[in-house]
Protein backbone atom coordinates (compact mmCIF):
# COMPACT_ATOMS: atom_id res chain seq x y z
CA MET A 1 76.36 154.17 -21.90
CA ALA A 2 73.77 152.28 -19.93
CA PRO A 3 74.99 149.11 -18.23
CA TRP A 4 72.45 146.96 -20.12
CA THR A 5 73.25 148.29 -23.58
CA GLY A 6 75.98 145.75 -24.33
CA ALA A 7 73.74 142.91 -23.31
CA GLU A 8 70.87 144.31 -25.35
CA LEU A 9 72.95 144.72 -28.44
CA SER A 10 74.17 141.12 -28.09
CA MET A 11 70.59 139.79 -28.45
CA LEU A 12 70.34 138.91 -32.08
CA ASN A 13 66.62 138.91 -32.78
CA PRO A 14 65.32 138.17 -36.31
CA LEU A 15 65.29 141.82 -37.42
CA ARG A 16 68.77 142.53 -36.17
CA ALA A 17 70.08 139.37 -37.83
CA LEU A 18 68.42 140.41 -41.13
CA TRP A 19 69.88 143.98 -41.07
CA LEU A 20 73.25 142.59 -40.12
CA THR A 21 73.16 140.17 -43.01
CA LEU A 22 72.11 142.84 -45.49
CA ALA A 23 74.85 145.28 -44.24
CA THR A 24 77.44 142.49 -44.53
CA ALA A 25 76.26 141.61 -48.10
CA PHE A 26 76.41 145.24 -49.26
CA LEU A 27 79.89 145.67 -47.68
CA VAL A 28 81.18 142.56 -49.40
CA THR A 29 79.71 143.73 -52.70
CA LEU A 30 81.40 147.15 -52.39
CA LEU A 31 84.76 145.52 -51.63
CA LEU A 32 84.38 143.17 -54.61
CA GLN A 33 83.85 146.18 -56.84
CA LEU A 34 87.24 147.56 -55.65
CA VAL A 35 89.01 144.41 -56.66
CA PRO A 36 90.62 144.47 -60.15
CA ALA A 37 88.52 142.51 -62.73
CA SER A 38 91.54 140.37 -63.66
CA LEU A 39 91.71 138.91 -60.14
CA LEU A 40 88.10 137.76 -60.10
CA PRO A 41 86.34 135.05 -62.12
CA ASP A 42 83.81 136.41 -64.53
CA CYS A 43 80.27 136.49 -63.05
CA SER A 44 77.72 138.08 -65.37
CA LEU A 45 74.86 137.44 -62.97
CA PHE A 46 76.59 139.24 -60.10
CA GLN A 47 77.22 142.30 -62.29
CA TYR A 48 73.62 142.19 -63.51
CA LEU A 49 72.28 142.17 -59.99
CA ILE A 50 74.29 145.13 -58.69
CA ARG A 51 73.94 147.53 -61.67
CA TYR A 52 70.91 149.30 -63.16
CA GLY A 53 70.06 152.11 -65.55
CA LYS A 54 73.03 153.95 -67.02
CA THR A 55 75.66 151.74 -65.39
CA ARG A 56 74.38 148.74 -67.38
CA GLN A 57 73.49 150.64 -70.58
CA GLY A 58 76.46 152.82 -71.13
CA GLY A 59 78.67 152.72 -68.08
CA PRO A 60 81.70 150.52 -67.33
CA ARG A 61 81.19 146.83 -67.53
CA ARG A 62 83.22 143.86 -66.69
CA ALA A 63 84.15 141.41 -69.37
CA GLY A 64 81.56 138.78 -70.09
CA LEU A 65 78.57 140.77 -68.82
CA VAL A 66 75.46 139.60 -70.61
CA GLU A 67 71.96 141.15 -70.39
CA CYS A 68 69.41 138.86 -68.82
CA LYS A 69 66.23 138.54 -70.91
CA ILE A 70 63.66 138.90 -68.12
CA VAL A 71 61.05 141.55 -67.63
CA GLU A 72 62.66 144.64 -65.97
CA PRO A 73 60.72 147.37 -64.24
CA LEU A 74 61.38 150.95 -65.43
CA GLU A 75 63.40 153.25 -63.29
CA ARG A 76 60.37 155.49 -62.93
CA TYR A 77 58.71 152.68 -60.98
CA PHE A 78 60.58 154.08 -57.96
CA SER A 79 57.20 155.67 -57.20
CA HIS A 80 55.97 152.12 -56.26
CA PHE A 81 58.41 152.16 -53.32
CA TYR A 82 56.92 155.27 -51.88
CA ILE A 83 53.31 154.20 -52.54
CA ILE A 84 53.99 151.08 -50.45
CA SER A 85 55.72 153.19 -47.78
CA VAL A 86 52.93 155.76 -47.55
CA VAL A 87 50.22 153.12 -47.24
CA TRP A 88 52.11 150.57 -45.02
CA ASN A 89 54.07 152.90 -42.81
CA GLY A 90 51.01 155.22 -42.52
CA PHE A 91 49.11 152.23 -41.23
CA LEU A 92 51.79 151.42 -38.62
CA LEU A 93 51.88 155.13 -37.67
CA TRP A 94 48.09 155.10 -37.18
CA CYS A 95 48.27 151.94 -35.03
CA LEU A 96 50.96 153.61 -32.90
CA ILE A 97 48.93 156.85 -32.57
CA GLN A 98 45.84 154.87 -31.59
CA SER A 99 47.74 153.01 -28.91
CA LEU A 100 49.71 156.01 -27.56
CA PHE A 101 46.90 158.54 -27.35
CA LEU A 102 43.65 156.52 -27.29
CA GLY A 103 44.81 153.27 -25.61
CA ALA A 104 43.67 151.15 -28.47
CA PRO A 105 45.55 147.84 -28.70
CA PHE A 106 47.53 146.72 -31.71
CA PRO A 107 45.75 144.27 -33.96
CA ASN A 108 46.42 140.68 -32.94
CA TRP A 109 48.39 139.81 -36.12
CA LEU A 110 50.60 142.95 -35.81
CA HIS A 111 51.31 142.28 -32.10
CA GLY A 112 52.18 138.67 -32.86
CA LEU A 113 54.46 139.84 -35.74
CA LEU A 114 56.22 142.37 -33.57
CA ARG A 115 56.82 139.75 -30.88
CA ILE A 116 58.34 137.42 -33.45
CA LEU A 117 60.57 140.19 -34.77
CA GLY A 118 61.86 141.10 -31.31
CA ALA A 119 59.62 143.61 -29.53
CA SER A 120 60.01 143.44 -25.78
CA GLN A 121 57.07 143.00 -23.35
CA PHE A 122 56.75 145.27 -20.33
CA GLU A 123 57.14 142.26 -18.04
CA ASP A 124 60.34 141.22 -19.80
CA ILE A 125 61.86 144.63 -19.41
CA HIS A 126 61.23 144.67 -15.65
CA MET A 127 63.01 141.33 -15.35
CA GLU A 128 66.11 142.77 -16.97
CA ARG A 129 66.31 146.41 -16.02
CA ASN A 130 65.22 148.59 -13.12
CA SER A 131 62.51 151.26 -13.65
CA ALA A 132 64.92 154.14 -13.72
CA LEU A 133 66.76 152.66 -16.80
CA VAL A 134 63.48 151.89 -18.41
CA LYS A 135 62.33 155.48 -18.00
CA ARG A 136 65.64 156.87 -19.35
CA GLY A 137 65.86 154.50 -22.36
CA GLU A 138 62.24 153.93 -23.28
CA PRO A 139 61.98 154.71 -27.04
CA ALA A 140 58.20 155.29 -27.55
CA LEU A 141 58.57 159.00 -28.38
CA SER A 142 61.60 158.28 -30.59
CA ALA A 143 59.79 155.55 -32.55
CA PHE A 144 56.73 157.84 -32.90
CA LEU A 145 58.90 160.67 -34.31
CA VAL A 146 60.82 158.32 -36.65
CA LEU A 147 57.61 156.87 -38.06
CA VAL A 148 56.11 160.36 -38.54
CA PHE A 149 59.18 161.58 -40.38
CA LEU A 150 59.41 158.33 -42.42
CA TRP A 151 55.83 158.79 -43.56
CA LEU A 152 56.40 162.50 -44.37
CA HIS A 153 59.56 161.67 -46.26
CA SER A 154 57.84 158.95 -48.27
CA LEU A 155 54.92 161.33 -48.98
CA ARG A 156 57.31 164.05 -50.20
CA ARG A 157 59.24 161.59 -52.44
CA LEU A 158 56.01 160.24 -53.89
CA PHE A 159 55.06 163.80 -54.77
CA GLU A 160 58.47 164.33 -56.37
CA CYS A 161 58.18 161.13 -58.43
CA PHE A 162 54.85 162.22 -59.89
CA TYR A 163 55.36 165.97 -60.25
CA ILE A 164 59.12 166.81 -60.04
CA SER A 165 61.42 164.03 -61.28
CA VAL A 166 61.96 163.38 -64.94
CA PHE A 167 62.75 159.65 -65.47
CA SER A 168 64.31 158.15 -68.57
CA ASN A 169 63.39 154.70 -69.89
CA ALA A 170 66.32 153.10 -67.88
CA THR A 171 65.48 149.94 -66.13
CA ILE A 172 66.28 148.17 -62.88
CA ASN A 173 66.41 144.47 -62.41
CA ILE A 174 63.59 142.65 -60.75
CA VAL A 175 65.70 141.73 -57.73
CA GLN A 176 66.47 145.35 -56.93
CA TYR A 177 62.80 146.31 -57.52
CA CYS A 178 61.58 143.62 -55.09
CA PHE A 179 64.26 144.57 -52.51
CA GLY A 180 63.06 148.19 -52.60
CA LEU A 181 59.43 147.11 -51.99
CA VAL A 182 60.47 144.84 -49.05
CA TYR A 183 62.77 147.52 -47.61
CA TYR A 184 60.02 150.00 -46.97
CA VAL A 185 57.87 147.30 -45.30
CA LEU A 186 60.73 146.22 -43.05
CA ILE A 187 61.90 149.66 -42.05
CA GLY A 188 58.51 150.54 -40.47
CA LEU A 189 58.35 147.19 -38.62
CA THR A 190 61.89 147.72 -37.38
CA VAL A 191 61.06 151.09 -35.83
CA LEU A 192 57.82 149.82 -34.32
CA SER A 193 59.48 146.70 -32.88
CA GLN A 194 61.70 148.93 -30.74
CA VAL A 195 58.70 150.07 -28.69
CA PRO A 196 58.18 148.17 -25.48
CA LEU A 197 54.72 146.57 -25.27
CA ASP A 198 52.37 146.14 -22.37
CA GLY A 199 50.20 143.38 -23.79
CA ARG A 200 48.99 144.67 -27.08
CA ASN A 201 49.51 148.29 -26.13
CA VAL A 202 52.60 150.51 -26.12
CA TYR A 203 54.05 150.95 -22.62
CA VAL A 204 54.73 154.56 -21.67
CA ILE A 205 56.18 155.52 -18.30
CA GLY A 206 53.68 157.76 -16.49
CA LYS A 207 51.31 157.62 -19.40
CA ASN A 208 52.91 160.88 -20.66
CA LEU A 209 54.80 160.73 -23.87
CA LEU A 210 56.31 164.21 -23.46
CA MET A 211 58.18 163.05 -20.43
CA GLN A 212 60.52 161.25 -22.78
CA ALA A 213 61.42 164.39 -24.74
CA ARG A 214 65.19 165.05 -24.87
CA TRP A 215 67.49 167.52 -26.61
CA PHE A 216 68.24 165.05 -29.42
CA HIS A 217 64.55 164.85 -30.33
CA ILE A 218 64.66 168.58 -31.10
CA LEU A 219 67.87 168.32 -32.91
CA GLY A 220 66.62 165.41 -35.01
CA MET A 221 63.48 167.28 -36.00
CA LEU A 222 65.52 170.33 -37.06
CA MET A 223 67.91 168.12 -39.04
CA PHE A 224 65.07 166.38 -40.77
CA VAL A 225 63.37 169.59 -41.86
CA TRP A 226 66.65 171.19 -42.98
CA SER A 227 67.87 168.09 -44.98
CA SER A 228 64.49 167.49 -46.49
CA ALA A 229 64.30 171.05 -47.82
CA HIS A 230 67.73 170.69 -49.41
CA GLN A 231 66.99 167.28 -50.90
CA TYR A 232 63.81 168.67 -52.45
CA LYS A 233 65.92 171.58 -53.96
CA CYS A 234 68.41 169.17 -55.36
CA HIS A 235 65.71 167.03 -57.00
CA VAL A 236 64.20 170.18 -58.53
CA ILE A 237 67.68 171.14 -59.90
CA LEU A 238 68.07 167.66 -61.44
CA SER A 239 64.67 167.68 -63.05
CA ASN A 240 65.30 171.20 -64.48
CA LEU A 241 68.34 169.79 -66.35
CA ARG A 242 65.92 167.96 -68.65
CA LYS A 243 63.49 170.84 -69.09
CA ASN A 244 63.44 174.10 -70.95
CA LYS A 245 62.71 177.47 -69.35
CA ALA A 246 59.02 176.87 -69.87
CA GLY A 247 59.19 173.77 -67.76
CA VAL A 248 58.71 171.36 -70.74
CA VAL A 249 60.70 168.16 -70.77
CA ILE A 250 63.01 168.29 -73.84
CA HIS A 251 65.42 165.38 -73.26
CA CYS A 252 66.45 162.65 -70.76
CA ASN A 253 70.21 163.14 -71.06
CA HIS A 254 72.57 163.38 -68.13
CA SER A 255 74.03 166.83 -67.40
CA ILE A 256 76.14 168.43 -64.64
CA PRO A 257 73.99 170.05 -61.98
CA PHE A 258 74.87 173.29 -60.28
CA GLY A 259 73.43 175.06 -57.20
CA ASP A 260 72.58 174.30 -53.57
CA TRP A 261 74.41 171.19 -52.28
CA PHE A 262 75.78 170.40 -55.77
CA GLU A 263 78.16 173.24 -55.27
């Protein structure tokens, strides 16, 4: 481990604080679900916020759970998450490509936002680390690959939402819906904020992105392609459970899937 890693991890910038808070909240929520209902005071709102679809309509419920009478988006609105991701993260990827390969600076508002969220300037890096460590740890190529794969994943999932998946009329609450929208905005900003900046441009040692290529980049690309193919197969299997042999949707019931990773 690099000697500056511990110090870097100890720097709690806004994005790290946000993700840490969310991780803690989800962990606490999971632990509360493991506690017997008799030991906890009834909280209908809490159960409403963490459940959606089948788990609220026909699944197990805690005593006293009442349905909130607010407008709820349908489960099929998952496609909205991927529309946002394709457009927003596609824009961030385009800005990164422009900076990496054409030398075009980030827009002023995006540069300012990244600085607020914790992106490091080239001058700041030199004050904290020597050039050898910067060259070894600079994440420009990693961020580029992650944004590419995030965009491709979102594009595939959007295609699946429109042409593969068969959604029922189950609903999700408005808080979960808004969280999904915000998540895909934050995830791209989180990746881009890891790239060291030289003014409004991405700083790359030697101006050659391929100099940063390592064995784990190859492994990561292979894992992405392999897992994406299997996830696609699993979604096709799930959708076929609600179709006849001619590919026509005949019901929206839940069935036991077989094949591929379901085995």
